[in-house]
Amino acid sequence: MTEPNITTWRKSTKSSGGANCVEVGHAVPVAVVGVRDTKDRAGGTILLSPATWRVFIDGIKDGGLSVS
């Protein structure tokens, strides 16, 4: 699969400058959410559907997933 062109990335609001920083980007017009390590941007990108991304975020907000 060819990686979609994600031109705008934003750092997670939960990134504190420590070792666990991630960036999130949305590919347009392809409906894909990309997640990558801020400190290793060339290390690869996890690609998720918007629905899967929403389940992940809701799981964190609901306390079902630990972010420690």
Foldseek 3Di string as FASTA:
>chain_A
DDDADFDDKDWDPPDDVDQQIKIWTAHPPDQWIWIDGPVCRVPDIDIDGPVVVVVVVVCVVVVVDDPD
